[in-house]
């Protein structure tokens, strides 16, 4: 079960590319800003198509996951998250857990309460590790965006 809620679901399993992308574009166009489409596709090219399209538009892929009924689910939000002021950025792709959390903690220790850290990581366990760590340390996750398959930006506010 995903932590993301979809306003609408579009099951495009069985259709080859670019069908799933075309269907997603049509559905997203009808959504209100901030609403989420869950696109389900089993076409191997959908992932690359969606991430390329999202980079060229004002939309974002929030999360991807394997679906129990087959295919991959793509949670696509119309519009980008509101731009927030980021006080520090840490791009730690390529470093395995617990490295990203250790380095984020060092950086956050030098920041003022209320300031925001943008942490970028592709550690396989990071999407499940960060929320628990943030909760345990009094930090707040303001947002999480999957910027590429398995790569995430976390916006963390110091408590």
Foldseek 3Di string as FASTA:
>chain_A
DDPDDAPEEAEPEPDEPPVQVVVVVVVLVPDDAFHKYKYFYAHPCNQVVVLVVVVVAQKAFADWDADPVGGIITIIGRGDDPDDDAPEEAEDEPDAPPVQVVVVVVVLVPDDAFHKYWYKYLHQCVVVPVVVVCVVQVKDFPGWGQNHVSIIITIIGHD
